Amino acid sequence: MMAAGAIAIAVALLAVGGYALWRAVDTAADPVSAGIAPQSSESRPASPTAVPVLALAVTGTRTRVYVAKPGDGEILVSRVMARGETFVSDERRLAVVVEDGSAVRIRVNGKARPPAEPGVRVAFTVDGDRTASGA
């Protein structure tokens, strides 16, 4: 009887330990602390000579970025981006929201937007060849 109890406890400990190990190596939740190299997101084919309509580069630790096409609502990016990650798009109309505007370098039609104060949310629209509007 004691052997069956000991086996049950050992199996339970293995299950809990396996679950903890699985959660520890699950890097999808936090790629920065896991040491995964930053990735780029693009909504256009790469062209070395073209100036993109929108170019975002995360320079801070991380920030949530949301970019969508206002006409049809297609979401191009909606996630936390880490330092070194970029997003580039040639879409003519875009709605952009950055949770921490000081953590991102933003260029619209090749022109740099001034950085925001730390922790300040930045939201603006890009419309054709005109410069961005919004806060």
Protein backbone atom coordinates (compact mmCIF):
# COMPACT_ATOMS: atom_id res chain seq x y z
CA MET A 1 0.00 0.00 0.00
CA MET A 2 2.85 2.40 0.87
CA ALA A 3 4.55 1.64 -2.44
CA ALA A 4 1.42 2.65 -4.39
CA GLY A 5 1.25 5.96 -2.49
CA ALA A 6 4.93 6.65 -3.13
CA ILE A 7 4.47 5.93 -6.84
CA ALA A 8 1.45 8.26 -7.00
CA ILE A 9 3.42 11.04 -5.33
CA ALA A 10 6.39 10.51 -7.68
CA VAL A 11 4.11 10.64 -10.75
CA ALA A 12 2.45 13.83 -9.46
CA LEU A 13 5.85 15.45 -8.85
CA LEU A 14 7.01 14.50 -12.33
CA ALA A 15 3.85 15.98 -13.84
CA VAL A 16 4.23 19.25 -11.92
CA GLY A 17 7.95 19.43 -12.72
CA GLY A 18 7.29 18.74 -16.41
CA TYR A 19 4.65 21.45 -16.55
CA ALA A 20 7.00 23.94 -14.84
CA LEU A 21 9.79 23.08 -17.28
CA TRP A 22 7.42 23.48 -20.24
CA ARG A 23 6.35 26.94 -18.97
CA ALA A 24 10.00 27.95 -18.41
CA VAL A 25 10.99 27.21 -22.01
CA ASP A 26 7.85 28.71 -23.53
CA THR A 27 9.50 31.76 -25.14
CA ALA A 28 6.48 33.08 -27.00
CA ALA A 29 5.37 35.12 -23.99
CA ASP A 30 8.60 37.10 -23.65
CA PRO A 31 11.12 36.86 -26.51
CA VAL A 32 13.38 39.56 -25.04
CA SER A 33 14.16 37.75 -21.79
CA ALA A 34 14.50 34.48 -23.72
CA GLY A 35 17.29 35.97 -25.83
CA ILE A 36 15.53 35.52 -29.17
CA ALA A 37 16.81 37.78 -31.92
CA PRO A 38 14.40 40.59 -32.87
CA GLN A 39 12.49 40.19 -36.09
CA SER A 40 11.21 42.61 -38.68
CA SER A 41 7.65 42.92 -39.87
CA GLU A 42 6.97 44.19 -43.35
CA SER A 43 3.79 44.76 -45.28
CA ARG A 44 5.61 45.44 -48.55
CA PRO A 45 8.22 43.80 -50.74
CA ALA A 46 11.71 44.94 -49.81
CA SER A 47 13.10 47.65 -52.07
CA PRO A 48 16.52 49.06 -51.20
CA THR A 49 15.93 52.42 -52.96
CA ALA A 50 12.30 53.20 -52.08
CA VAL A 51 11.48 55.38 -49.08
CA PRO A 52 8.75 53.59 -47.11
CA VAL A 53 5.55 55.40 -46.19
CA LEU A 54 5.98 54.24 -42.58
CA ALA A 55 9.07 52.92 -40.81
CA LEU A 56 9.08 52.08 -37.08
CA ALA A 57 12.16 50.94 -35.17
CA VAL A 58 11.95 50.02 -31.49
CA THR A 59 14.80 51.68 -29.62
CA GLY A 60 13.49 51.23 -26.07
CA THR A 61 13.14 47.96 -24.18
CA ARG A 62 9.72 47.15 -25.66
CA THR A 63 6.38 48.71 -26.51
CA ARG A 64 3.00 47.68 -27.90
CA VAL A 65 2.52 48.71 -31.53
CA TYR A 66 -0.72 48.72 -33.52
CA VAL A 67 -0.86 49.52 -37.25
CA ALA A 68 -3.97 49.03 -39.38
CA LYS A 69 -5.45 50.11 -42.70
CA PRO A 70 -8.31 52.47 -41.78
CA GLY A 71 -10.46 51.71 -44.83
CA ASP A 72 -10.90 47.97 -44.48
CA GLY A 73 -9.65 47.55 -40.92
CA GLU A 74 -6.93 45.07 -41.88
CA ILE A 75 -4.49 44.86 -38.97
CA LEU A 76 -0.88 44.84 -40.14
CA VAL A 77 0.71 44.56 -36.70
CA SER A 78 -0.73 44.39 -33.19
CA ARG A 79 1.75 43.14 -30.63
CA VAL A 80 4.50 43.98 -28.21
CA MET A 81 7.68 44.71 -30.14
CA ALA A 82 11.13 44.44 -28.57
CA ARG A 83 14.26 46.57 -28.96
CA GLY A 84 15.73 46.16 -32.45
CA GLU A 85 12.47 45.10 -34.10
CA THR A 86 11.21 47.09 -37.06
CA PHE A 87 8.02 47.50 -39.04
CA VAL A 88 7.97 48.95 -42.56
CA SER A 89 4.97 49.59 -44.80
CA ASP A 90 4.20 51.19 -48.14
CA GLU A 91 0.44 51.26 -47.55
CA ARG A 92 -0.84 54.73 -48.44
CA ARG A 93 -3.31 55.03 -45.53
CA LEU A 94 -2.46 53.79 -42.05
CA ALA A 95 -3.66 54.21 -38.49
CA VAL A 96 -0.78 53.92 -36.01
CA VAL A 97 -0.80 53.64 -32.21
CA VAL A 98 2.36 53.21 -30.13
CA GLU A 99 1.95 52.61 -26.40
CA ASP A 100 5.24 54.33 -25.45
CA GLY A 101 6.20 56.88 -28.09
CA SER A 102 9.65 57.39 -26.57
CA ALA A 103 10.54 53.73 -27.24
CA VAL A 104 10.15 53.96 -31.03
CA ARG A 105 11.88 55.87 -33.83
CA ILE A 106 9.18 56.78 -36.38
CA ARG A 107 9.66 57.93 -39.98
CA VAL A 108 6.74 58.90 -42.23
CA ASN A 109 7.52 59.35 -45.93
CA GLY A 110 11.19 59.52 -44.96
CA LYS A 111 10.71 62.30 -42.39
CA ALA A 112 11.41 61.63 -38.72
CA ARG A 113 8.66 62.33 -36.20
CA PRO A 114 9.86 63.90 -32.96
CA PRO A 115 10.09 61.41 -30.08
CA ALA A 116 7.44 61.53 -27.37
CA GLU A 117 8.03 61.85 -23.67
CA PRO A 118 8.55 58.50 -21.86
CA GLY A 119 5.30 56.63 -21.29
CA VAL A 120 3.25 58.87 -23.61
CA ARG A 121 0.93 57.05 -26.03
CA VAL A 122 1.27 58.21 -29.64
CA ALA A 123 -1.57 57.86 -32.16
CA PHE A 124 -1.61 59.25 -35.69
CA THR A 125 -2.77 58.54 -39.22
CA VAL A 126 -0.78 58.43 -42.42
CA ASP A 127 -2.67 59.56 -45.52
CA GLY A 128 -1.00 59.27 -48.93
CA ASP A 129 1.92 61.57 -49.59
CA ARG A 130 0.93 64.00 -46.86
CA THR A 131 2.72 63.97 -43.55
CA ALA A 132 1.20 62.21 -40.57
CA SER A 133 -1.49 63.86 -38.53
CA GLY A 134 -2.44 63.29 -34.93
CA ALA A 135 -0.84 63.43 -31.52
